[in-house]
Amino acid sequence: MTNQNNTALRDIALLAPNLWGQVYLLCRGTHGIDHEYSMALADDAMRAFGEDRCETHDDLDFVIVEIARVD
């Protein structure tokens, strides 16, 4: 996957309507995490951080790192 595609996928994930969608899309699209685990991580993110969506890439990256320990 090219860096340009990765950036586009990150932008799409940030546009999801809630945190669950953002985490799921970022896990699947840029980290290559399988469907079941991405859903579980999204559920964990909602429990830990609530429903409010992230407004910046930095915020979303923080959530992913905290929940999945993915760099």
Protein backbone atom coordinates (compact mmCIF):
# COMPACT_ATOMS: atom_id res chain seq x y z
CA MET A 1 0.00 0.00 0.00
CA THR A 2 1.37 3.39 -0.91
CA ASN A 3 1.74 6.21 1.57
CA GLN A 4 -0.84 8.18 -0.42
CA ASN A 5 -3.39 5.36 -0.05
CA ASN A 6 -2.62 5.10 3.65
CA THR A 7 -3.23 8.84 4.08
CA ALA A 8 -6.52 8.62 2.20
CA LEU A 9 -7.68 5.72 4.40
CA ARG A 10 -6.76 7.68 7.53
CA ASP A 11 -8.80 10.64 6.25
CA ILE A 12 -11.78 8.38 5.55
CA ALA A 13 -11.59 6.85 9.02
CA LEU A 14 -11.55 10.30 10.60
CA LEU A 15 -14.82 11.13 8.80
CA ALA A 16 -16.71 8.22 10.39
CA PRO A 17 -19.76 9.39 12.36
CA ASN A 18 -18.62 8.02 15.73
CA LEU A 19 -15.60 6.70 17.58
CA TRP A 20 -16.56 3.07 16.95
CA GLY A 21 -16.49 3.63 13.19
CA GLN A 22 -13.27 5.59 13.33
CA VAL A 23 -11.44 2.92 15.29
CA TYR A 24 -12.82 0.07 13.20
CA LEU A 25 -11.93 1.72 9.88
CA LEU A 26 -8.45 2.74 11.00
CA CYS A 27 -7.70 -0.73 12.37
CA ARG A 28 -8.91 -2.45 9.20
CA GLY A 29 -7.64 0.01 6.63
CA THR A 30 -4.25 1.13 7.84
CA HIS A 31 -3.18 -1.46 10.40
CA GLY A 32 -4.50 -4.53 8.58
CA ILE A 33 -6.19 -5.93 11.69
CA ASP A 34 -8.82 -8.59 10.96
CA HIS A 35 -12.57 -7.89 11.12
CA GLU A 36 -13.31 -9.60 14.45
CA TYR A 37 -10.41 -8.02 16.32
CA SER A 38 -11.15 -4.58 14.79
CA MET A 39 -14.72 -4.84 16.07
CA ALA A 40 -13.48 -5.82 19.53
CA LEU A 41 -11.03 -2.90 19.58
CA ALA A 42 -13.78 -0.52 18.52
CA ASP A 43 -15.98 -1.82 21.34
CA ASP A 44 -13.10 -1.37 23.80
CA ALA A 45 -12.54 2.19 22.57
CA MET A 46 -16.19 3.05 23.12
CA ARG A 47 -16.05 1.68 26.67
CA ALA A 48 -12.83 3.55 27.46
CA PHE A 49 -13.43 6.85 25.68
CA GLY A 50 -17.18 7.16 25.11
CA GLU A 51 -19.02 7.80 21.88
CA ASP A 52 -17.59 11.18 20.86
CA ARG A 53 -15.65 10.96 17.64
CA CYS A 54 -12.07 12.16 17.34
CA GLU A 55 -11.55 15.46 15.57
CA THR A 56 -7.89 15.06 14.64
CA HIS A 57 -5.57 12.32 13.42
CA ASP A 58 -3.47 12.75 16.56
CA ASP A 59 -6.50 12.08 18.78
CA LEU A 60 -7.49 9.01 16.79
CA ASP A 61 -3.91 7.71 16.80
CA PHE A 62 -3.83 8.13 20.58
CA VAL A 63 -7.01 6.08 20.97
CA ILE A 64 -5.66 3.32 18.73
CA VAL A 65 -2.34 3.15 20.56
CA GLU A 66 -4.04 3.08 23.95
CA ILE A 67 -6.57 0.42 22.98
CA ALA A 68 -4.58 -1.80 20.61
CA ARG A 69 -1.00 -0.95 21.50
CA VAL A 70 -0.41 -0.55 17.75
CA ASP A 71 2.27 1.82 16.44
